[in-house]
């Protein structure tokens, strides 16, 4: 059961100040585009782009096992610019992505956190739309607002374009797929191996 206290507590863990607004003109990070949802210093030496689906168990593992440590150790310290891109694998993942965007740029990453934390409550549910609407209401997105976002063709095109661009640019066909300074990584990975690779890029070795 999802409580308002749980959801608001999870959202409070991501301060608004950590969310970077769209970059004007050309994006600074390697492979980053204006309008991307990103965290961290635009001038960081390493840019990590994650293509993920909110109903993907492997994406949830990446989020819990790697991203949860990557953010404080590398993103918050200015070593990594982290870019999130949608790659929904099914209808529930698409609607969850809509909800994350519907909360606004300043709460996008907080909603992603909550959606992964509550994965078991909605991802495989027959009434996932209602479950997502409940999560949205607890996070300040009314059902009417969520419905309006679901009907927003510009938002739909943006999310689906993210997936099509991933396939065209990086040949992404599974999630999570991570691009580190332009190089693609797929499949299960450990934080230790991931961080060693980033450390080499940061040091220039």
N, C-alpha and C. Protein backbone atom coordinates (compact mmCIF):
# COMPACT_ATOMS: atom_id res chain seq x y z
N UNK A 1 0.84 -1.20 0.00
CA UNK A 1 0.00 0.00 0.00
C UNK A 1 0.88 1.25 0.00
N UNK A 2 0.57 2.15 -0.91
CA UNK A 2 1.34 3.38 -1.05
C UNK A 2 0.71 4.46 -0.18
N UNK A 3 1.50 5.05 0.70
CA UNK A 3 0.97 6.12 1.54
C UNK A 3 1.50 7.46 1.08
N UNK A 4 0.76 8.51 1.40
CA UNK A 4 1.20 9.86 1.06
C UNK A 4 2.52 10.17 1.75
N UNK A 5 2.67 9.72 3.01
CA UNK A 5 3.90 9.99 3.75
C UNK A 5 5.09 9.35 3.04
N UNK A 6 4.91 8.09 2.56
CA UNK A 6 5.99 7.40 1.86
C UNK A 6 6.36 8.16 0.59
N UNK A 7 5.36 8.54 -0.19
CA UNK A 7 5.63 9.18 -1.46
C UNK A 7 6.28 10.54 -1.27
N UNK A 8 5.74 11.35 -0.37
CA UNK A 8 6.32 12.68 -0.17
C UNK A 8 7.71 12.59 0.43
N UNK A 9 7.93 11.58 1.28
CA UNK A 9 9.27 11.38 1.82
C UNK A 9 10.26 11.01 0.75
N UNK A 10 9.84 10.17 -0.19
CA UNK A 10 10.71 9.77 -1.29
C UNK A 10 11.01 10.96 -2.18
N UNK A 11 10.01 11.78 -2.44
CA UNK A 11 10.20 12.93 -3.32
C UNK A 11 11.08 13.98 -2.66
N UNK A 12 11.01 14.08 -1.34
CA UNK A 12 11.83 15.06 -0.64
C UNK A 12 13.30 14.71 -0.71
N UNK A 13 13.61 13.44 -1.02
CA UNK A 13 15.01 13.01 -1.08
C UNK A 13 15.73 13.58 -2.29
N UNK A 14 15.00 14.11 -3.26
CA UNK A 14 15.61 14.71 -4.44
C UNK A 14 15.36 16.20 -4.41
N UNK A 15 16.33 17.01 -3.96
CA UNK A 15 16.11 18.44 -3.86
C UNK A 15 15.90 19.08 -5.22
N UNK A 16 15.00 20.08 -5.26
CA UNK A 16 14.72 20.77 -6.51
C UNK A 16 15.99 21.35 -7.11
N UNK A 17 16.89 21.82 -6.29
CA UNK A 17 18.11 22.47 -6.78
C UNK A 17 19.00 21.52 -7.57
N UNK A 18 18.80 20.19 -7.39
CA UNK A 18 19.66 19.25 -8.10
C UNK A 18 19.21 19.01 -9.52
N UNK A 19 18.03 19.47 -9.88
CA UNK A 19 17.53 19.25 -11.22
C UNK A 19 18.01 20.38 -12.12
N UNK A 20 18.67 20.02 -13.20
CA UNK A 20 19.22 21.01 -14.11
C UNK A 20 18.21 21.31 -15.20
N UNK A 21 17.94 22.56 -15.45
CA UNK A 21 16.98 22.97 -16.46
C UNK A 21 17.58 22.78 -17.85
N UNK A 22 16.75 22.87 -18.91
CA UNK A 22 17.26 22.68 -20.26
C UNK A 22 18.42 23.61 -20.57
N UNK A 23 19.37 23.10 -21.30
CA UNK A 23 20.51 23.91 -21.68
C UNK A 23 20.17 24.77 -22.88
N UNK A 24 20.54 26.02 -22.88
CA UNK A 24 20.33 26.84 -24.07
C UNK A 24 21.29 26.45 -25.17
N UNK A 25 20.84 26.54 -26.40
CA UNK A 25 21.73 26.25 -27.52
C UNK A 25 22.19 24.82 -27.51
N UNK A 26 23.48 24.59 -27.76
CA UNK A 26 24.02 23.24 -27.80
C UNK A 26 24.23 22.72 -26.39
N UNK A 27 23.82 21.46 -26.16
CA UNK A 27 24.01 20.86 -24.85
C UNK A 27 25.49 20.62 -24.60
N UNK A 28 25.89 20.75 -23.32
CA UNK A 28 27.31 20.66 -23.00
C UNK A 28 27.79 19.22 -22.88
N UNK A 29 26.93 18.34 -22.32
CA UNK A 29 27.35 16.96 -22.12
C UNK A 29 27.49 16.21 -23.44
N UNK A 30 28.36 15.19 -23.46
CA UNK A 30 28.56 14.39 -24.67
C UNK A 30 27.28 13.63 -24.98
N UNK A 31 26.68 13.92 -26.13
CA UNK A 31 25.45 13.25 -26.52
C UNK A 31 24.20 13.88 -25.95
N UNK A 32 24.35 14.90 -25.11
CA UNK A 32 23.18 15.55 -24.52
C UNK A 32 22.55 16.51 -25.52
N UNK A 33 21.23 16.64 -25.42
CA UNK A 33 20.49 17.53 -26.30
C UNK A 33 19.75 18.57 -25.48
N UNK A 34 19.54 19.76 -26.03
CA UNK A 34 18.72 20.74 -25.33
C UNK A 34 17.35 20.15 -25.02
N UNK A 35 16.88 20.39 -23.81
CA UNK A 35 15.60 19.84 -23.40
C UNK A 35 15.69 18.53 -22.65
N UNK A 36 16.88 17.88 -22.67
CA UNK A 36 17.04 16.64 -21.92
C UNK A 36 16.81 16.88 -20.43
N UNK A 37 16.32 15.86 -19.76
CA UNK A 37 16.19 15.89 -18.30
C UNK A 37 17.49 15.35 -17.73
N UNK A 38 18.20 16.19 -17.00
CA UNK A 38 19.55 15.82 -16.56
C UNK A 38 19.84 16.34 -15.18
N UNK A 39 20.77 15.66 -14.52
CA UNK A 39 21.27 16.06 -13.21
C UNK A 39 22.78 16.23 -13.30
N UNK A 40 23.31 17.16 -12.52
CA UNK A 40 24.75 17.31 -12.43
C UNK A 40 25.28 18.47 -13.24
N UNK A 41 26.57 18.68 -13.11
CA UNK A 41 27.27 19.79 -13.74
C UNK A 41 27.32 19.60 -15.26
N UNK A 42 26.82 20.57 -16.05
CA UNK A 42 26.92 20.45 -17.51
C UNK A 42 28.35 20.33 -18.01
N UNK A 43 29.31 20.77 -17.20
CA UNK A 43 30.71 20.69 -17.60
C UNK A 43 31.43 19.47 -17.02
N UNK A 44 30.68 18.53 -16.49
CA UNK A 44 31.30 17.32 -15.94
C UNK A 44 32.06 16.58 -17.04
N UNK A 45 33.18 15.94 -16.70
CA UNK A 45 33.98 15.25 -17.71
C UNK A 45 33.33 14.00 -18.29
N UNK A 46 32.33 13.47 -17.60
CA UNK A 46 31.66 12.25 -18.05
C UNK A 46 30.16 12.50 -18.15
N UNK A 47 29.58 12.07 -19.25
CA UNK A 47 28.12 12.13 -19.41
C UNK A 47 27.59 10.71 -19.51
N UNK A 48 26.66 10.39 -18.63
CA UNK A 48 25.99 9.09 -18.64
C UNK A 48 24.55 9.30 -19.09
N UNK A 49 24.17 8.63 -20.15
CA UNK A 49 22.79 8.67 -20.64
C UNK A 49 22.18 7.30 -20.41
N UNK A 50 21.06 7.26 -19.69
CA UNK A 50 20.38 5.99 -19.45
C UNK A 50 19.07 5.95 -20.22
N UNK A 51 18.89 4.93 -21.04
CA UNK A 51 17.61 4.63 -21.67
C UNK A 51 16.94 3.57 -20.81
N UNK A 52 15.75 3.86 -20.32
CA UNK A 52 15.12 2.94 -19.39
C UNK A 52 13.61 2.88 -19.58
N UNK A 53 13.05 1.77 -19.12
CA UNK A 53 11.61 1.57 -19.10
C UNK A 53 11.19 1.39 -17.65
N UNK A 54 10.14 2.06 -17.24
CA UNK A 54 9.73 2.03 -15.84
C UNK A 54 9.08 0.71 -15.42
N UNK A 55 8.84 -0.21 -16.37
CA UNK A 55 8.34 -1.54 -16.01
C UNK A 55 9.41 -2.61 -16.17
N UNK A 56 10.64 -2.20 -16.35
CA UNK A 56 11.74 -3.13 -16.60
C UNK A 56 12.42 -3.51 -15.28
N UNK A 57 12.36 -4.80 -14.87
CA UNK A 57 13.01 -5.20 -13.62
C UNK A 57 14.51 -4.91 -13.60
N UNK A 58 15.17 -5.08 -14.75
CA UNK A 58 16.61 -4.80 -14.80
C UNK A 58 16.88 -3.31 -14.62
N UNK A 59 15.97 -2.47 -15.12
CA UNK A 59 16.11 -1.02 -14.92
C UNK A 59 15.94 -0.68 -13.45
N UNK A 60 15.02 -1.37 -12.80
CA UNK A 60 14.84 -1.13 -11.37
C UNK A 60 16.10 -1.52 -10.61
N UNK A 61 16.73 -2.64 -11.00
CA UNK A 61 17.98 -3.05 -10.34
C UNK A 61 19.07 -2.02 -10.58
N UNK A 62 19.17 -1.53 -11.83
CA UNK A 62 20.17 -0.50 -12.12
C UNK A 62 19.92 0.73 -11.26
N UNK A 63 18.66 1.12 -11.14
CA UNK A 63 18.31 2.31 -10.37
C UNK A 63 18.69 2.13 -8.90
N UNK A 64 18.41 0.95 -8.36
CA UNK A 64 18.65 0.71 -6.93
C UNK A 64 20.12 0.40 -6.64
N UNK A 65 20.76 -0.37 -7.51
CA UNK A 65 22.11 -0.85 -7.22
C UNK A 65 23.21 0.08 -7.72
N UNK A 66 22.95 0.79 -8.81
CA UNK A 66 23.99 1.62 -9.42
C UNK A 66 23.66 3.10 -9.33
N UNK A 67 22.50 3.50 -9.84
CA UNK A 67 22.17 4.93 -9.84
C UNK A 67 22.15 5.50 -8.41
N UNK A 68 21.65 4.72 -7.44
CA UNK A 68 21.55 5.22 -6.07
C UNK A 68 22.92 5.55 -5.49
N UNK A 69 23.97 4.91 -6.00
CA UNK A 69 25.34 5.21 -5.55
C UNK A 69 26.05 6.16 -6.51
N UNK A 70 25.69 6.10 -7.77
CA UNK A 70 26.28 7.00 -8.76
C UNK A 70 25.96 8.45 -8.45
N UNK A 71 24.72 8.71 -8.04
CA UNK A 71 24.31 10.10 -7.83
C UNK A 71 25.12 10.79 -6.73
N UNK A 72 25.19 10.24 -5.51
CA UNK A 72 25.97 10.96 -4.48
C UNK A 72 27.46 10.95 -4.74
N UNK A 73 27.99 9.88 -5.31
CA UNK A 73 29.45 9.75 -5.46
C UNK A 73 29.99 10.47 -6.70
N UNK A 74 29.18 10.57 -7.74
CA UNK A 74 29.69 11.10 -9.00
C UNK A 74 28.88 12.28 -9.55
N UNK A 75 27.56 12.20 -9.50
CA UNK A 75 26.74 13.29 -10.04
C UNK A 75 26.82 14.52 -9.13
N UNK A 76 26.58 14.31 -7.84
CA UNK A 76 26.56 15.43 -6.90
C UNK A 76 27.94 16.05 -6.68
N UNK A 77 28.99 15.32 -7.03
CA UNK A 77 30.35 15.82 -6.85
C UNK A 77 30.91 16.46 -8.13
N UNK A 78 30.10 16.54 -9.18
CA UNK A 78 30.52 17.22 -10.40
C UNK A 78 31.31 16.38 -11.38
N UNK A 79 31.42 15.08 -11.14
CA UNK A 79 32.19 14.23 -12.05
C UNK A 79 31.35 13.70 -13.21
N UNK A 80 30.06 13.56 -12.98
CA UNK A 80 29.17 12.96 -13.99
C UNK A 80 27.95 13.82 -14.23
N UNK A 81 27.60 13.99 -15.46
CA UNK A 81 26.33 14.56 -15.88
C UNK A 81 25.43 13.38 -16.23
N UNK A 82 24.28 13.25 -15.57
CA UNK A 82 23.39 12.10 -15.77
C UNK A 82 22.15 12.53 -16.53
N UNK A 83 21.90 11.89 -17.66
CA UNK A 83 20.78 12.21 -18.53
C UNK A 83 19.82 11.02 -18.57
N UNK A 84 18.54 11.27 -18.34
CA UNK A 84 17.53 10.22 -18.38
C UNK A 84 16.71 10.32 -19.66
N UNK A 85 16.55 9.19 -20.35
CA UNK A 85 15.75 9.17 -21.57
C UNK A 85 14.78 8.00 -21.55
N UNK A 86 13.56 8.29 -21.97
CA UNK A 86 12.49 7.29 -21.97
C UNK A 86 12.70 6.25 -23.07
N UNK A 87 12.44 5.00 -22.71
CA UNK A 87 12.41 3.91 -23.68
C UNK A 87 11.33 2.92 -23.21
N UNK A 88 10.06 3.35 -23.21
CA UNK A 88 9.00 2.50 -22.67
C UNK A 88 8.82 1.23 -23.48
N UNK A 89 8.72 0.10 -22.78
CA UNK A 89 8.62 -1.19 -23.43
C UNK A 89 7.18 -1.65 -23.60
N UNK A 90 6.25 -1.02 -22.90
CA UNK A 90 4.85 -1.44 -22.99
C UNK A 90 3.96 -0.29 -22.55
N UNK A 91 2.65 -0.53 -22.57
CA UNK A 91 1.69 0.53 -22.24
C UNK A 91 1.83 1.03 -20.81
N UNK A 92 1.96 0.14 -19.81
CA UNK A 92 2.15 0.66 -18.44
C UNK A 92 3.40 1.53 -18.31
N UNK A 93 4.48 1.14 -18.98
CA UNK A 93 5.71 1.93 -18.91
C UNK A 93 5.51 3.29 -19.56
N UNK A 94 4.76 3.32 -20.65
CA UNK A 94 4.49 4.59 -21.31
C UNK A 94 3.68 5.51 -20.39
N UNK A 95 2.62 4.97 -19.79
CA UNK A 95 1.79 5.82 -18.91
C UNK A 95 2.57 6.27 -17.68
N UNK A 96 3.46 5.41 -17.18
CA UNK A 96 4.30 5.81 -16.05
C UNK A 96 5.24 6.94 -16.45
N UNK A 97 5.79 6.86 -17.66
CA UNK A 97 6.66 7.93 -18.16
C UNK A 97 5.88 9.23 -18.28
N UNK A 98 4.63 9.13 -18.76
CA UNK A 98 3.78 10.32 -18.85
C UNK A 98 3.60 10.95 -17.47
N UNK A 99 3.33 10.11 -16.46
CA UNK A 99 3.14 10.63 -15.11
C UNK A 99 4.39 11.33 -14.61
N UNK A 100 5.56 10.73 -14.84
CA UNK A 100 6.81 11.36 -14.38
C UNK A 100 6.98 12.74 -15.01
N UNK A 101 6.69 12.85 -16.30
CA UNK A 101 6.78 14.15 -16.97
C UNK A 101 5.69 15.10 -16.50
N UNK A 102 4.53 14.55 -16.20
CA UNK A 102 3.38 15.36 -15.81
C UNK A 102 3.63 16.11 -14.51
N UNK A 103 4.50 15.57 -13.67
CA UNK A 103 4.82 16.23 -12.41
C UNK A 103 5.67 17.48 -12.58
N UNK A 104 6.19 17.71 -13.79
CA UNK A 104 7.03 18.88 -14.04
C UNK A 104 8.51 18.54 -13.95
N UNK A 105 9.33 19.38 -14.58
CA UNK A 105 10.77 19.14 -14.63
C UNK A 105 11.40 19.06 -13.24
N UNK A 106 10.91 19.89 -12.32
CA UNK A 106 11.56 19.94 -11.00
C UNK A 106 11.25 18.72 -10.15
N UNK A 107 10.27 17.89 -10.58
CA UNK A 107 9.94 16.69 -9.81
C UNK A 107 10.07 15.41 -10.63
N UNK A 108 10.58 15.52 -11.84
CA UNK A 108 10.66 14.34 -12.72
C UNK A 108 11.45 13.21 -12.06
N UNK A 109 12.66 13.49 -11.59
CA UNK A 109 13.49 12.44 -11.03
C UNK A 109 12.90 11.89 -9.72
N UNK A 110 12.21 12.73 -8.98
CA UNK A 110 11.55 12.26 -7.76
C UNK A 110 10.44 11.28 -8.10
N UNK A 111 9.68 11.58 -9.15
CA UNK A 111 8.62 10.65 -9.57
C UNK A 111 9.23 9.34 -10.07
N UNK A 112 10.32 9.42 -10.81
CA UNK A 112 10.98 8.19 -11.27
C UNK A 112 11.40 7.34 -10.07
N UNK A 113 11.98 7.99 -9.05
CA UNK A 113 12.35 7.27 -7.83
C UNK A 113 11.15 6.54 -7.23
N UNK A 114 10.05 7.27 -7.10
CA UNK A 114 8.85 6.69 -6.47
C UNK A 114 8.28 5.56 -7.32
N UNK A 115 8.27 5.74 -8.64
CA UNK A 115 7.72 4.71 -9.52
C UNK A 115 8.54 3.42 -9.45
N UNK A 116 9.85 3.53 -9.33
CA UNK A 116 10.65 2.33 -9.14
C UNK A 116 10.45 1.75 -7.74
N UNK A 117 10.35 2.61 -6.73
CA UNK A 117 10.15 2.14 -5.36
C UNK A 117 8.81 1.42 -5.18
N UNK A 118 7.80 1.83 -5.97
CA UNK A 118 6.46 1.23 -5.86
C UNK A 118 6.18 0.27 -7.01
N UNK A 119 7.21 -0.16 -7.68
CA UNK A 119 7.14 -1.01 -8.87
C UNK A 119 6.16 -2.19 -8.69
N UNK A 120 6.27 -2.88 -7.57
CA UNK A 120 5.45 -4.07 -7.34
C UNK A 120 3.97 -3.75 -7.20
N UNK A 121 3.64 -2.51 -6.89
CA UNK A 121 2.25 -2.13 -6.69
C UNK A 121 1.50 -1.85 -7.99
N UNK A 122 2.21 -1.48 -9.04
CA UNK A 122 1.49 -1.05 -10.24
C UNK A 122 1.98 -1.67 -11.55
N UNK A 123 3.25 -2.03 -11.67
CA UNK A 123 3.82 -2.39 -12.97
C UNK A 123 3.14 -3.57 -13.64
N UNK A 124 2.73 -4.57 -12.86
CA UNK A 124 2.10 -5.75 -13.43
C UNK A 124 0.62 -5.82 -13.08
N UNK A 125 0.07 -4.71 -12.65
CA UNK A 125 -1.33 -4.67 -12.22
C UNK A 125 -2.26 -4.52 -13.42
N UNK A 126 -3.39 -5.22 -13.37
CA UNK A 126 -4.38 -5.08 -14.44
C UNK A 126 -5.00 -3.70 -14.47
N UNK A 127 -4.99 -3.01 -13.33
CA UNK A 127 -5.54 -1.65 -13.27
C UNK A 127 -4.42 -0.63 -13.07
N UNK A 128 -3.34 -0.80 -13.84
CA UNK A 128 -2.16 0.05 -13.66
C UNK A 128 -2.47 1.53 -13.84
N UNK A 129 -3.41 1.88 -14.73
CA UNK A 129 -3.75 3.29 -14.93
C UNK A 129 -4.28 3.91 -13.64
N UNK A 130 -5.15 3.17 -12.96
CA UNK A 130 -5.69 3.68 -11.70
C UNK A 130 -4.61 3.76 -10.64
N UNK A 131 -3.73 2.75 -10.60
CA UNK A 131 -2.64 2.77 -9.62
C UNK A 131 -1.72 3.97 -9.87
N UNK A 132 -1.42 4.23 -11.12
CA UNK A 132 -0.57 5.37 -11.45
C UNK A 132 -1.26 6.68 -11.09
N UNK A 133 -2.56 6.74 -11.34
CA UNK A 133 -3.31 7.95 -11.00
C UNK A 133 -3.27 8.20 -9.49
N UNK A 134 -3.33 7.12 -8.69
CA UNK A 134 -3.26 7.26 -7.24
C UNK A 134 -1.89 7.79 -6.82
N UNK A 135 -0.83 7.26 -7.44
CA UNK A 135 0.52 7.75 -7.15
C UNK A 135 0.62 9.22 -7.50
N UNK A 136 0.06 9.58 -8.65
CA UNK A 136 0.09 10.97 -9.08
C UNK A 136 -0.62 11.88 -8.09
N UNK A 137 -1.79 11.46 -7.63
CA UNK A 137 -2.54 12.30 -6.69
C UNK A 137 -1.78 12.48 -5.39
N UNK A 138 -1.12 11.41 -4.92
CA UNK A 138 -0.32 11.54 -3.70
C UNK A 138 0.85 12.49 -3.89
N UNK A 139 1.33 12.59 -5.13
CA UNK A 139 2.45 13.47 -5.43
C UNK A 139 2.05 14.84 -5.93
N UNK A 140 0.75 15.14 -5.90
CA UNK A 140 0.30 16.47 -6.29
C UNK A 140 -0.16 16.61 -7.72
N UNK A 141 -0.28 15.49 -8.45
CA UNK A 141 -0.81 15.51 -9.82
C UNK A 141 -2.22 14.95 -9.77
N UNK A 142 -3.21 15.79 -9.99
CA UNK A 142 -4.60 15.36 -9.92
C UNK A 142 -4.93 14.38 -11.04
N UNK A 143 -6.03 13.63 -10.87
CA UNK A 143 -6.44 12.70 -11.93
C UNK A 143 -6.75 13.46 -13.22
N UNK A 144 -7.39 14.61 -13.10
CA UNK A 144 -7.69 15.40 -14.30
C UNK A 144 -6.40 15.83 -14.99
N UNK A 145 -5.40 16.22 -14.21
CA UNK A 145 -4.12 16.63 -14.78
C UNK A 145 -3.44 15.45 -15.46
N UNK A 146 -3.45 14.30 -14.82
CA UNK A 146 -2.85 13.10 -15.40
C UNK A 146 -3.55 12.73 -16.71
N UNK A 147 -4.88 12.77 -16.71
CA UNK A 147 -5.63 12.47 -17.92
C UNK A 147 -5.28 13.45 -19.05
N UNK A 148 -5.10 14.71 -18.66
CA UNK A 148 -4.74 15.72 -19.67
C UNK A 148 -3.35 15.43 -20.24
N UNK A 149 -2.43 14.99 -19.38
CA UNK A 149 -1.09 14.65 -19.85
C UNK A 149 -1.14 13.42 -20.77
N UNK A 150 -2.00 12.46 -20.44
CA UNK A 150 -2.14 11.28 -21.30
C UNK A 150 -2.69 11.65 -22.67
N UNK A 151 -3.46 12.70 -22.72
CA UNK A 151 -4.05 13.15 -23.99
C UNK A 151 -3.17 14.15 -24.72
N UNK A 152 -2.04 14.52 -24.14
CA UNK A 152 -1.15 15.53 -24.71
C UNK A 152 -0.32 14.89 -25.83
N UNK A 153 -0.63 15.22 -27.06
CA UNK A 153 0.06 14.61 -28.20
C UNK A 153 1.52 15.04 -28.29
N UNK A 154 1.82 16.26 -27.86
CA UNK A 154 3.22 16.71 -27.87
C UNK A 154 4.05 15.89 -26.91
N UNK A 155 3.51 15.61 -25.72
CA UNK A 155 4.23 14.78 -24.75
C UNK A 155 4.37 13.36 -25.27
N UNK A 156 3.30 12.84 -25.86
CA UNK A 156 3.37 11.50 -26.44
C UNK A 156 4.47 11.42 -27.50
N UNK A 157 4.50 12.40 -28.39
CA UNK A 157 5.52 12.40 -29.44
C UNK A 157 6.92 12.50 -28.86
N UNK A 158 7.08 13.29 -27.79
CA UNK A 158 8.39 13.44 -27.17
C UNK A 158 8.89 12.12 -26.60
N UNK A 159 8.01 11.40 -25.90
CA UNK A 159 8.39 10.13 -25.29
C UNK A 159 8.69 9.08 -26.36
N UNK A 160 7.83 8.99 -27.37
CA UNK A 160 8.04 8.00 -28.41
C UNK A 160 9.26 8.36 -29.28
N UNK A 161 9.50 9.65 -29.47
CA UNK A 161 10.67 10.08 -30.23
C UNK A 161 11.95 9.70 -29.50
N UNK A 162 11.92 9.75 -28.16
CA UNK A 162 13.08 9.33 -27.37
C UNK A 162 13.43 7.89 -27.68
N UNK A 163 12.41 7.04 -27.78
CA UNK A 163 12.66 5.63 -28.09
C UNK A 163 13.17 5.46 -29.52
N UNK A 164 12.54 6.13 -30.47
CA UNK A 164 12.95 5.99 -31.86
C UNK A 164 14.37 6.52 -32.09
N UNK A 165 14.70 7.62 -31.42
CA UNK A 165 16.05 8.17 -31.56
C UNK A 165 17.09 7.23 -30.97
N UNK A 166 16.74 6.56 -29.86
CA UNK A 166 17.65 5.61 -29.24
C UNK A 166 17.96 4.46 -30.20
N UNK A 167 16.94 3.99 -30.88
CA UNK A 167 17.13 2.90 -31.83
C UNK A 167 17.96 3.35 -33.03
N UNK A 168 17.69 4.56 -33.51
CA UNK A 168 18.38 5.05 -34.70
C UNK A 168 19.82 5.44 -34.40
N UNK A 169 20.04 6.10 -33.26
CA UNK A 169 21.37 6.65 -32.96
C UNK A 169 22.30 5.65 -32.30
N UNK A 170 21.74 4.81 -31.39
CA UNK A 170 22.58 3.91 -30.62
C UNK A 170 22.23 2.43 -30.79
N UNK A 171 21.24 2.13 -31.66
CA UNK A 171 20.78 0.76 -31.86
C UNK A 171 20.34 0.12 -30.55
N UNK A 172 19.64 0.89 -29.73
CA UNK A 172 19.13 0.38 -28.46
C UNK A 172 17.96 -0.56 -28.74
N UNK A 173 18.02 -1.75 -28.17
CA UNK A 173 16.90 -2.69 -28.33
C UNK A 173 16.53 -3.36 -27.02
N UNK A 174 17.14 -2.92 -25.93
CA UNK A 174 16.81 -3.47 -24.62
C UNK A 174 17.10 -2.43 -23.56
N UNK A 175 16.54 -2.65 -22.37
CA UNK A 175 16.77 -1.72 -21.27
C UNK A 175 17.24 -2.48 -20.04
N UNK A 176 18.07 -1.84 -19.20
CA UNK A 176 18.63 -0.52 -19.42
C UNK A 176 19.79 -0.56 -20.41
N UNK A 177 19.89 0.44 -21.23
CA UNK A 177 21.08 0.67 -22.05
C UNK A 177 21.68 1.99 -21.61
N UNK A 178 22.97 1.97 -21.33
CA UNK A 178 23.66 3.14 -20.79
C UNK A 178 24.74 3.58 -21.78
N UNK A 179 24.76 4.87 -22.06
CA UNK A 179 25.77 5.45 -22.93
C UNK A 179 26.71 6.29 -22.06
N UNK A 180 27.98 5.94 -22.05
CA UNK A 180 28.98 6.65 -21.25
C UNK A 180 29.95 7.33 -22.20
N UNK A 181 29.88 8.66 -22.25
CA UNK A 181 30.72 9.44 -23.18
C UNK A 181 30.66 8.86 -24.60
N UNK A 182 29.44 8.51 -25.02
CA UNK A 182 29.23 8.05 -26.38
C UNK A 182 29.37 6.57 -26.60
N UNK A 183 29.82 5.82 -25.59
CA UNK A 183 30.02 4.38 -25.73
C UNK A 183 28.88 3.63 -25.06
N UNK A 184 28.35 2.61 -25.75
CA UNK A 184 27.16 1.90 -25.28
C UNK A 184 27.51 0.72 -24.38
N UNK A 185 26.72 0.60 -23.30
CA UNK A 185 26.84 -0.53 -22.38
C UNK A 185 25.46 -1.13 -22.19
N UNK A 186 25.35 -2.46 -22.31
CA UNK A 186 24.09 -3.14 -22.15
C UNK A 186 24.24 -4.28 -21.14
N UNK A 187 23.10 -4.77 -20.68
CA UNK A 187 23.12 -5.94 -19.79
C UNK A 187 23.43 -5.58 -18.36
N UNK A 188 23.54 -6.63 -17.56
CA UNK A 188 23.75 -6.42 -16.13
C UNK A 188 25.19 -5.97 -15.87
N UNK A 189 25.33 -5.04 -14.96
CA UNK A 189 26.65 -4.53 -14.63
C UNK A 189 26.72 -4.28 -13.12
N UNK A 190 27.92 -4.29 -12.59
CA UNK A 190 28.09 -3.99 -11.16
C UNK A 190 28.47 -2.54 -10.99
N UNK A 191 28.18 -2.00 -9.83
CA UNK A 191 28.59 -0.63 -9.55
C UNK A 191 30.10 -0.50 -9.56
N UNK A 192 30.80 -1.53 -9.06
CA UNK A 192 32.25 -1.48 -8.97
C UNK A 192 32.88 -1.36 -10.37
N UNK A 193 32.39 -2.18 -11.31
CA UNK A 193 32.94 -2.12 -12.67
C UNK A 193 32.57 -0.80 -13.33
N UNK A 194 31.35 -0.35 -13.10
CA UNK A 194 30.88 0.90 -13.68
C UNK A 194 31.70 2.07 -13.15
N UNK A 195 31.92 2.11 -11.85
CA UNK A 195 32.64 3.23 -11.25
C UNK A 195 34.11 3.21 -11.65
N UNK A 196 34.71 2.03 -11.80
CA UNK A 196 36.11 1.96 -12.25
C UNK A 196 36.25 2.58 -13.64
N UNK A 197 35.29 2.29 -14.51
CA UNK A 197 35.35 2.84 -15.86
C UNK A 197 35.20 4.37 -15.82
N UNK A 198 34.26 4.84 -15.00
CA UNK A 198 34.08 6.30 -14.89
C UNK A 198 35.33 6.94 -14.31
N UNK A 199 35.94 6.33 -13.32
CA UNK A 199 37.15 6.88 -12.72
C UNK A 199 38.26 7.04 -13.76
N UNK A 200 38.37 6.07 -14.66
CA UNK A 200 39.38 6.18 -15.71
C UNK A 200 39.09 7.34 -16.64
N UNK A 201 37.82 7.53 -16.96
CA UNK A 201 37.45 8.65 -17.83
C UNK A 201 37.69 9.98 -17.13
N UNK A 202 37.36 10.05 -15.86
CA UNK A 202 37.55 11.29 -15.11
C UNK A 202 39.03 11.65 -15.03
N UNK A 203 39.88 10.64 -14.82
CA UNK A 203 41.32 10.89 -14.68
C UNK A 203 42.02 11.05 -16.03
N UNK A 204 41.29 10.68 -17.11
CA UNK A 204 41.88 10.79 -18.44
C UNK A 204 42.83 9.68 -18.78
N UNK A 205 42.80 8.59 -18.00
CA UNK A 205 43.72 7.47 -18.25
C UNK A 205 43.08 6.42 -19.13
